Amino acid sequence: MKANNGKFIRWKELNMAAKDRMAALGIDVSHFSDSYILPGLTDVHVHLREPGFLYKETMRTGTMSAAAGGFTDVLSMPNLDPCPDSMANLQVQLEAIERDACVRVHPYAAISRGELGQALSDMEELAPHVIAFTDDGRGVASAAMMEEAMTRAARLDKLIVAHCEDENYPKESSETEWKQLQRDIELVRKTGCKYHVCHISTAESAELVRYAKREGLDITCETAPHYLTISNEEIEDSGRFKMNPPIKSAADRSALLEALKDGTIDMIATDHAPHSRDEKSRGFKNSAYGIVGMESAFPVVYTKLVLTGIITLDRLIELMYDAPRQRFGMNTCSIEAELEKDAPTFSVWNLDDEYAIDPDEFMTMGRSCPFEGWKVRGRCIATVIDGKVVWRRKATIQE
């Protein structure tokens, strides 16, 4: 088999043994002839809404949305009810994952109880059962509390994953993000904690991460497709453009693209955050914060960044597979080696398929997507986990 640095492979370049092995697993390969085989993508920032908010999303619909977007692994944020700040509360989510998830779900635990920033969660008890700790959706306002959380996380060898938002500044400002990030970098320097920054959206944040990395601090960061492809001059009076942090200026977008190219930004995550139609139909000002993104993420970035020559397909796979998995302690594998396994995991893409994004075709219950109507190339046609097809275009594989 020939692959491009082990990142992806054309179906027609697979050897017969690999094709026969898939057929033996019962994988229908009749529509793979013009496709590319990619790894199963990993999204480190997803809101699945169950338990607690099933009118927005269920474990089943959220993970089917992931599979339809080529994701085989997602990291689930803790703004749930009950909040996973204790083992008893986490167990409710673990049972939903076991019962209904069709991709691998790796739950976060909250840094603070109820994500209220008043007292720390049961970190020691939770650590063996969660991927990392975060209060995503709000910043940890108290520097003393964040320092104690980092100290405990360092002892537990767990990441602190930070939503940086200093509420002393307007939400739309750059300062609300980078001021708290600047504080946290000082705390990382002091505690030696492993630290990951959620959804950076500003030029200042990118520069802070760049210098922290040069210093040798153990820091990584993510951004999302909307920050890389939209500026605030393009925002319409619609809930589908309202997310937290808000989209910033064209200059910020340019700075993020440079940071993506030079390796300052480690990964792309979606911040998939579904809401009901009513919550997102109140115009920009009055709609809830959050958009859906798993089914549009790869096509949007492939179309806007790869096909335009800003990054390569290899780099995109690094951003959506290698780096997320390496940072969060999950195994990585070349696509050739993956396909040699008895029960392989991968995604199948028609990279030439051009179409307009239509949220009404999504598997997620959410419909608010800033890329609605965009013409893109690249469509996931199948997602396979451990030798089982969990998603196939125009059909799903039922239990």
Protein backbone atom coordinates (compact mmCIF):
# COMPACT_ATOMS: atom_id res chain seq x y z
CA MET A 1 0.00 0.00 0.00
CA LYS A 2 1.11 3.55 -0.68
CA ALA A 3 0.11 6.32 1.69
CA ASN A 4 1.02 9.98 2.02
CA ASN A 5 3.39 9.87 5.03
CA GLY A 6 0.98 7.41 6.63
CA LYS A 7 -1.73 10.10 7.02
CA PHE A 8 -4.21 8.94 4.39
CA ILE A 9 -4.51 6.54 1.48
CA ARG A 10 -6.58 6.32 -1.68
CA TRP A 11 -8.97 3.38 -1.74
CA LYS A 12 -7.74 2.32 -5.17
CA GLU A 13 -4.20 2.05 -3.75
CA LEU A 14 -5.18 -0.46 -1.07
CA ASN A 15 -3.90 -3.95 -1.64
CA MET A 16 -6.35 -6.78 -2.17
CA ALA A 17 -5.63 -8.32 1.23
CA ALA A 18 -6.80 -5.15 2.99
CA LYS A 19 -9.94 -4.97 0.87
CA ASP A 20 -10.67 -8.64 1.51
CA ARG A 21 -10.18 -8.12 5.24
CA MET A 22 -12.79 -5.34 5.22
CA ALA A 23 -15.20 -7.49 3.26
CA ALA A 24 -14.71 -10.26 5.80
CA LEU A 25 -15.70 -7.81 8.53
CA GLY A 26 -18.95 -7.19 6.68
CA ILE A 27 -17.99 -3.65 5.61
CA ASP A 28 -19.77 -2.74 2.37
CA VAL A 29 -17.01 -1.28 0.21
CA SER A 30 -18.95 -1.05 -3.05
CA HIS A 31 -19.14 2.77 -2.86
CA PHE A 32 -15.52 3.35 -1.78
CA SER A 33 -13.93 3.27 -5.24
CA ASP A 34 -13.13 6.99 -5.57
CA SER A 35 -12.61 7.64 -1.88
CA TYR A 36 -9.81 8.41 0.56
CA ILE A 37 -9.24 6.46 3.76
CA LEU A 38 -8.40 8.77 6.69
CA PRO A 39 -7.96 8.08 10.39
CA GLY A 40 -10.95 8.42 12.64
CA LEU A 41 -10.89 12.09 13.64
CA THR A 42 -10.78 13.23 17.28
CA ASP A 43 -12.67 16.25 18.63
CA VAL A 44 -11.47 17.43 22.04
CA HIS A 45 -14.30 19.92 22.59
CA VAL A 46 -17.89 18.69 22.31
CA HIS A 47 -21.08 19.38 24.28
CA LEU A 48 -23.26 16.27 24.17
CA ARG A 49 -25.94 17.68 26.53
CA GLU A 50 -26.82 14.33 28.15
CA PRO A 51 -27.53 14.06 31.03
CA GLY A 52 -29.68 17.04 31.76
CA PHE A 53 -30.52 18.79 28.49
CA LEU A 54 -32.05 16.19 26.20
CA TYR A 55 -34.20 18.78 24.43
CA LYS A 56 -30.94 20.12 22.95
CA GLU A 57 -29.13 16.85 22.17
CA THR A 58 -29.02 13.22 23.28
CA MET A 59 -26.05 10.94 23.62
CA ARG A 60 -27.29 9.07 20.58
CA THR A 61 -27.84 12.07 18.30
CA GLY A 62 -24.63 13.77 19.39
CA THR A 63 -22.46 10.75 18.75
CA MET A 64 -24.21 10.02 15.47
CA SER A 65 -23.36 13.59 14.48
CA ALA A 66 -19.75 12.88 15.36
CA ALA A 67 -19.71 9.72 13.26
CA ALA A 68 -21.30 11.56 10.33
CA GLY A 69 -18.44 14.06 10.55
CA GLY A 70 -15.78 11.33 10.48
CA PHE A 71 -15.05 11.51 14.23
CA THR A 72 -14.47 8.27 16.11
CA ASP A 73 -13.48 9.89 19.42
CA VAL A 74 -14.96 12.92 21.17
CA LEU A 75 -14.21 14.56 24.50
CA SER A 76 -17.41 15.54 26.29
CA MET A 77 -17.62 18.80 28.24
CA PRO A 78 -19.01 18.78 31.80
CA ASN A 79 -21.69 21.50 31.70
CA LEU A 80 -24.33 18.85 32.34
CA ASP A 81 -26.98 18.08 34.95
CA PRO A 82 -25.80 16.51 37.13
CA CYS A 83 -22.39 18.11 36.65
CA PRO A 84 -19.59 15.50 36.74
CA ASP A 85 -17.92 16.93 39.83
CA SER A 86 -18.19 13.69 41.83
CA MET A 87 -18.17 10.00 40.98
CA ALA A 88 -21.88 9.69 41.67
CA ASN A 89 -22.64 12.44 39.17
CA LEU A 90 -20.13 11.19 36.60
CA GLN A 91 -21.70 7.74 36.76
CA VAL A 92 -24.94 9.09 35.25
CA GLN A 93 -23.01 10.20 32.17
CA LEU A 94 -20.98 6.98 31.99
CA GLU A 95 -24.20 4.96 31.92
CA ALA A 96 -25.56 7.08 29.06
CA ILE A 97 -22.31 6.59 27.14
CA GLU A 98 -22.41 2.84 27.66
CA ARG A 99 -26.05 2.66 26.64
CA ASP A 100 -26.26 4.98 23.64
CA ALA A 101 -22.92 6.24 22.32
CA CYS A 102 -21.96 5.06 18.84
CA VAL A 103 -18.47 6.60 18.94
CA ARG A 104 -15.92 6.61 21.76
CA VAL A 105 -16.78 9.29 24.31
CA HIS A 106 -14.12 10.46 26.77
CA PRO A 107 -15.71 12.57 29.52
CA TYR A 108 -14.17 15.59 31.19
CA ALA A 109 -14.76 16.26 34.87
CA ALA A 110 -15.42 19.73 36.21
CA ILE A 111 -12.65 21.67 37.92
CA SER A 112 -15.08 23.14 40.44
CA ARG A 113 -18.31 21.87 41.92
CA GLY A 114 -21.15 22.71 39.57
CA GLU A 115 -18.63 24.75 37.55
CA LEU A 116 -19.45 27.58 39.99
CA GLY A 117 -15.87 28.40 40.94
CA GLN A 118 -16.57 28.15 44.68
CA ALA A 119 -15.01 24.80 45.65
CA LEU A 120 -12.98 22.22 43.79
CA SER A 121 -14.50 18.97 42.55
CA ASP A 122 -13.52 15.52 43.83
CA MET A 123 -10.44 15.57 41.60
CA GLU A 124 -8.57 12.65 43.14
CA GLU A 125 -11.60 10.35 42.98
CA LEU A 126 -12.50 11.41 39.45
CA ALA A 127 -9.04 11.37 37.88
CA PRO A 128 -8.88 7.67 36.89
CA HIS A 129 -12.22 7.91 35.10
CA VAL A 130 -11.94 11.15 33.09
CA ILE A 131 -9.77 12.50 30.30
CA ALA A 132 -8.98 15.87 32.00
CA PHE A 133 -10.48 18.66 34.10
CA THR A 134 -12.27 21.77 32.79
CA ASP A 135 -14.95 24.27 33.71
CA ASP A 136 -15.63 24.97 30.04
CA GLY A 137 -18.32 27.55 29.48
CA ARG A 138 -16.88 29.87 32.07
CA GLY A 139 -13.45 30.91 33.30
CA VAL A 140 -12.18 30.06 36.76
CA ALA A 141 -12.29 33.57 38.24
CA SER A 142 -10.24 32.91 41.36
CA ALA A 143 -6.50 32.74 40.74
CA ALA A 144 -6.04 30.95 44.08
CA MET A 145 -8.57 28.29 43.11
CA MET A 146 -7.00 27.79 39.68
CA GLU A 147 -3.57 27.48 41.28
CA GLU A 148 -4.85 24.81 43.68
CA ALA A 149 -6.57 22.98 40.81
CA MET A 150 -3.35 23.05 38.78
CA THR A 151 -1.32 21.81 41.75
CA ARG A 152 -3.66 18.88 42.29
CA ALA A 153 -3.88 18.13 38.55
CA ALA A 154 -0.08 18.06 38.34
CA ARG A 155 0.06 15.50 41.15
CA LEU A 156 -2.57 13.44 39.34
CA ASP A 157 -0.79 13.83 35.96
CA LYS A 158 -3.95 15.27 34.43
CA LEU A 159 -4.47 18.21 32.11
CA ILE A 160 -6.20 21.39 33.13
CA VAL A 161 -8.27 22.51 30.11
CA ALA A 162 -9.20 26.16 30.36
CA HIS A 163 -12.01 28.24 28.96
CA CYS A 164 -10.36 31.64 29.43
CA GLU A 165 -12.91 34.36 30.12
CA ASP A 166 -12.33 37.23 32.52
CA GLU A 167 -15.80 38.62 33.15
CA ASN A 168 -14.38 41.98 34.19
CA TYR A 169 -14.13 42.74 30.47
CA PRO A 170 -16.86 42.80 27.79
CA LYS A 171 -17.45 39.38 26.28
CA GLU A 172 -16.76 40.71 22.77
CA SER A 173 -13.36 42.13 23.74
CA SER A 174 -10.04 40.42 23.20
CA GLU A 175 -9.03 41.20 26.79
CA THR A 176 -11.65 38.91 28.30
CA GLU A 177 -9.81 35.96 26.74
CA TRP A 178 -6.13 36.85 26.79
CA LYS A 179 -6.03 38.50 30.21
CA GLN A 180 -7.09 35.27 31.92
CA LEU A 181 -4.81 33.24 29.68
CA GLN A 182 -1.93 35.48 30.72
CA ARG A 183 -2.79 34.82 34.37
CA ASP A 184 -2.99 31.07 33.79
CA ILE A 185 0.39 30.96 32.08
CA GLU A 186 1.91 32.47 35.23
CA LEU A 187 0.23 29.72 37.25
CA VAL A 188 1.48 27.02 34.86
CA ARG A 189 4.99 28.42 35.33
CA LYS A 190 4.51 28.18 39.10
CA THR A 191 2.83 24.75 39.36
CA GLY A 192 4.29 22.79 36.44
CA CYS A 193 0.78 21.77 35.41
CA LYS A 194 -0.02 20.41 31.96
CA TYR A 195 -2.33 23.01 30.45
CA HIS A 196 -4.53 23.23 27.36
CA VAL A 197 -6.38 26.35 26.19
CA CYS A 198 -9.83 26.02 24.64
CA HIS A 199 -10.95 27.78 21.44
CA ILE A 200 -8.51 30.67 21.19
CA SER A 201 -9.93 33.48 19.08
CA THR A 202 -7.53 36.41 19.37
CA ALA A 203 -4.12 37.41 18.06
CA GLU A 204 -2.97 38.15 21.63
CA SER A 205 -3.86 34.64 22.80
CA ALA A 206 -1.89 33.10 19.96
CA GLU A 207 1.13 35.23 20.81
CA LEU A 208 0.95 34.32 24.50
CA VAL A 209 0.87 30.62 23.67
CA ARG A 210 3.73 31.05 21.21
CA TYR A 211 5.99 32.62 23.84
CA ALA A 212 4.95 30.13 26.52
CA LYS A 213 5.95 27.27 24.23
CA ARG A 214 9.29 28.90 23.48
CA GLU A 215 9.86 29.11 27.22
CA GLY A 216 9.25 25.36 27.45
CA LEU A 217 6.00 25.43 29.40
CA ASP A 218 3.72 22.42 28.96
CA ILE A 219 0.97 24.24 27.08
CA THR A 220 -1.16 23.46 24.03
CA CYS A 221 -4.17 25.13 22.47
CA GLU A 222 -7.03 24.63 20.07
CA THR A 223 -9.09 26.85 17.83
CA ALA A 224 -12.29 26.17 15.91
CA PRO A 225 -13.22 26.30 12.21
CA HIS A 226 -15.35 29.42 12.63
CA TYR A 227 -12.46 31.47 14.04
CA LEU A 228 -10.30 30.45 11.07
CA THR A 229 -12.84 31.21 8.34
CA ILE A 230 -15.14 34.04 9.52
CA SER A 231 -14.46 37.55 10.81
CA ASN A 232 -16.83 39.74 12.78
CA GLU A 233 -17.42 41.95 9.73
CA GLU A 234 -19.31 39.02 8.20
CA ILE A 235 -21.64 38.32 11.11
CA GLU A 236 -25.37 38.55 10.38
CA ASP A 237 -28.26 39.17 12.76
CA SER A 238 -28.76 35.48 13.35
CA GLY A 239 -28.27 33.08 16.24
CA ARG A 240 -26.11 30.89 14.04
CA PHE A 241 -23.27 33.40 14.44
CA LYS A 242 -23.45 33.58 18.22
CA MET A 243 -20.88 31.54 20.11
CA ASN A 244 -18.55 31.95 23.09
CA PRO A 245 -15.95 33.31 22.60
CA PRO A 246 -17.39 35.55 19.89
CA ILE A 247 -15.80 35.72 16.43
CA LYS A 248 -13.19 38.47 16.28
CA SER A 249 -11.69 40.70 13.56
CA ALA A 250 -10.09 39.85 10.23
CA ALA A 251 -6.72 40.69 11.80
CA ASP A 252 -7.34 38.13 14.53
CA ARG A 253 -8.31 35.54 11.94
CA SER A 254 -5.09 36.21 10.03
CA ALA A 255 -3.06 35.83 13.21
CA LEU A 256 -4.77 32.52 13.98
CA LEU A 257 -4.00 31.23 10.49
CA GLU A 258 -0.33 32.13 10.95
CA ALA A 259 -0.36 30.37 14.33
CA LEU A 260 -1.93 27.34 12.69
CA LYS A 261 0.80 27.24 10.07
CA ASP A 262 3.74 27.72 12.44
CA GLY A 263 2.56 25.12 14.97
CA THR A 264 1.51 27.49 17.75
CA ILE A 265 -2.04 26.19 17.43
CA ASP A 266 -1.92 22.45 18.04
CA MET A 267 -5.37 21.27 17.03
CA ILE A 268 -8.76 22.13 15.61
CA ALA A 269 -11.84 21.36 17.72
CA THR A 270 -15.45 22.16 16.99
CA ASP A 271 -16.96 23.39 20.28
CA HIS A 272 -20.11 21.62 19.04
CA ALA A 273 -22.83 23.11 21.27
CA PRO A 274 -26.40 22.38 20.15
CA HIS A 275 -29.43 24.32 21.32
CA SER A 276 -33.12 24.12 20.48
CA ARG A 277 -34.51 26.02 17.49
CA ASP A 278 -36.27 28.42 19.83
CA GLU A 279 -33.08 29.23 21.73
CA LYS A 280 -31.28 30.06 18.48
CA SER A 281 -34.07 31.88 16.61
CA ARG A 282 -34.09 35.13 18.60
CA GLY A 283 -31.61 37.07 16.47
CA PHE A 284 -27.96 37.57 17.29
CA LYS A 285 -28.46 39.58 20.47
CA ASN A 286 -30.99 37.35 22.22
CA SER A 287 -30.04 33.86 21.07
CA ALA A 288 -28.14 31.38 23.23
CA TYR A 289 -24.38 31.05 22.82
CA GLY A 290 -23.25 28.01 20.85
CA ILE A 291 -23.35 26.48 17.38
CA VAL A 292 -23.14 22.97 15.94
CA GLY A 293 -20.04 21.95 14.05
CA MET A 294 -19.03 18.30 13.92
CA GLU A 295 -20.63 17.51 10.56
CA SER A 296 -19.21 20.60 8.88
CA ALA A 297 -15.75 20.85 10.49
CA PHE A 298 -13.59 18.79 8.16
CA PRO A 299 -15.29 19.89 4.91
CA VAL A 300 -15.06 23.58 5.85
CA VAL A 301 -11.40 23.47 6.82
CA TYR A 302 -10.51 21.22 3.89
CA THR A 303 -12.22 23.58 1.45
CA LYS A 304 -11.10 26.90 2.93
CA LEU A 305 -7.59 26.00 4.07
CA VAL A 306 -6.36 22.91 2.22
CA LEU A 307 -7.77 23.54 -1.24
CA THR A 308 -6.59 27.16 -1.05
CA GLY A 309 -3.04 26.08 -0.17
CA ILE A 310 -2.90 27.56 3.34
CA ILE A 311 -2.16 24.15 4.88
CA THR A 312 -1.74 20.64 3.48
CA LEU A 313 -4.05 17.68 3.96
CA ASP A 314 -1.30 16.06 6.02
CA ARG A 315 -1.31 19.08 8.34
CA LEU A 316 -5.10 18.99 8.62
CA ILE A 317 -4.96 15.36 9.71
CA GLU A 318 -2.31 16.26 12.28
CA LEU A 319 -4.62 18.98 13.62
CA MET A 320 -7.70 16.72 13.80
CA TYR A 321 -6.15 13.34 14.63
CA ASP A 322 -2.49 13.15 15.66
CA ALA A 323 -2.17 16.19 17.93
CA PRO A 324 -5.45 15.77 19.84
CA ARG A 325 -4.74 12.13 20.55
CA GLN A 326 -1.13 12.69 21.53
CA ARG A 327 -1.97 15.53 23.88
CA PHE A 328 -4.77 13.65 25.64
CA GLY A 329 -2.93 10.35 25.96
CA MET A 330 -4.61 8.33 23.24
CA ASN A 331 -2.75 6.05 20.84
CA THR A 332 -2.06 7.12 17.27
CA CYS A 333 -1.41 4.89 14.31
CA SER A 334 -0.53 5.29 10.63
CA ILE A 335 -3.45 4.53 8.36
CA GLU A 336 -1.51 1.64 6.83
CA ALA A 337 -0.93 0.04 10.23
CA GLU A 338 -4.54 0.70 11.24
CA LEU A 339 -5.84 -1.14 8.20
CA GLU A 340 -3.67 -4.13 9.06
CA LYS A 341 -5.55 -4.62 12.33
CA ASP A 342 -8.23 -7.28 12.73
CA ALA A 343 -10.69 -4.56 13.84
CA PRO A 344 -9.58 -1.28 12.24
CA THR A 345 -10.85 2.23 12.96
CA PHE A 346 -10.98 4.80 10.15
CA SER A 347 -13.13 7.21 8.17
CA VAL A 348 -13.90 7.20 4.44
CA TRP A 349 -14.18 10.43 2.46
CA ASN A 350 -15.14 11.51 -1.03
CA LEU A 351 -12.92 14.57 -1.25
CA ASP A 352 -14.28 15.55 -4.66
CA ASP A 353 -17.94 15.70 -3.63
CA GLU A 354 -19.07 19.35 -3.79
CA TYR A 355 -22.28 20.39 -2.05
CA ALA A 356 -23.91 23.14 0.00
CA ILE A 357 -24.03 22.66 3.77
CA ASP A 358 -27.62 22.08 4.85
CA PRO A 359 -28.12 21.79 8.64
CA ASP A 360 -31.51 20.15 8.09
CA GLU A 361 -29.55 17.10 6.89
CA PHE A 362 -27.46 16.90 10.07
CA MET A 363 -27.73 14.05 12.55
CA THR A 364 -27.44 16.42 15.50
CA MET A 365 -30.62 17.90 16.94
CA GLY A 366 -29.01 21.33 16.65
CA ARG A 367 -29.54 23.28 13.43
CA SER A 368 -27.66 26.51 14.13
CA CYS A 369 -24.52 26.43 11.99
CA PRO A 370 -22.56 29.48 10.76
CA PHE A 371 -21.60 27.62 7.59
CA GLU A 372 -25.17 27.09 6.40
CA GLY A 373 -25.31 27.40 2.61
CA TRP A 374 -21.52 27.33 2.16
CA LYS A 375 -20.34 25.32 -0.85
CA VAL A 376 -17.70 22.87 0.31
CA ARG A 377 -15.86 19.82 -0.92
CA GLY A 378 -15.33 16.63 1.02
CA ARG A 379 -18.06 14.42 2.43
CA CYS A 380 -17.75 11.60 4.92
CA ILE A 381 -19.29 8.47 3.43
CA ALA A 382 -18.47 5.97 6.17
CA THR A 383 -17.01 5.80 9.67
CA VAL A 384 -15.71 2.53 11.07
CA ILE A 385 -14.81 1.82 14.70
CA ASP A 386 -13.14 -1.45 15.70
CA GLY A 387 -14.21 -3.04 12.43
CA LYS A 388 -17.85 -1.97 12.73
CA VAL A 389 -19.52 0.57 10.44
CA VAL A 390 -21.19 3.10 12.74
CA TRP A 391 -22.03 5.61 10.01
CA ARG A 392 -22.73 5.29 6.32
CA ARG A 393 -23.91 8.15 4.14
CA LYS A 394 -27.71 8.21 3.76
CA ALA A 395 -28.01 5.39 6.26
CA THR A 396 -26.98 4.49 9.77
CA ILE A 397 -26.12 1.07 11.06
CA GLN A 398 -28.57 0.14 13.75
CA GLU A 399 -27.74 -1.98 16.78
